[in-house]
């Protein structure tokens, strides 16, 4: 389990330089922008430098349910790392800020080519995901949901969204 605050803290300097040169760039977080939507291709991810971002769950016929608020040094997105590379949630910028945006395919290729980088990235993402799932005590939407367990989307094509809303999900995608 990772205790590092930022992804940048766990990547060795030489790998970090290569990662930035080949797969990352600074981007503005524009007020009210949707960074991604549930069900769409997860082709990038971010480390937030400034400005809060809401992670939300689409509810048909209702306003999106905010699952978590992310801010400085937080990793936004994990769906890019795991097939089928599709977002499970959405993200909305609620205050202008800055982020480092990563090209997911380029990062995955770099992780394959550089075992040290790959191990650091996978361990960090898994650690953050585990921390998010356990810090609220009840689990999260992909670990434990109160009531009947919703079917996995890759098997049935749909989640039982009403069950997810009542969970204490802190899993940022």
Foldseek 3Di string as FASTA:
>chain_A
DDPDLALVVQAPPVLVVVQCVFWKDKDKQDAFDKPDAFFDAQFKWKFAQAAKKFKWADDPPDDTHTQAIDGHRDIADDLLPDPPRGDHIIMTTHDMGMIMMTGSVRQVVSCVVDVSSVVSVVVVLVVVQVCQQPVVPQGALVPHWPDDNFDDCVVPVDGPVVRRSPGNHRGND
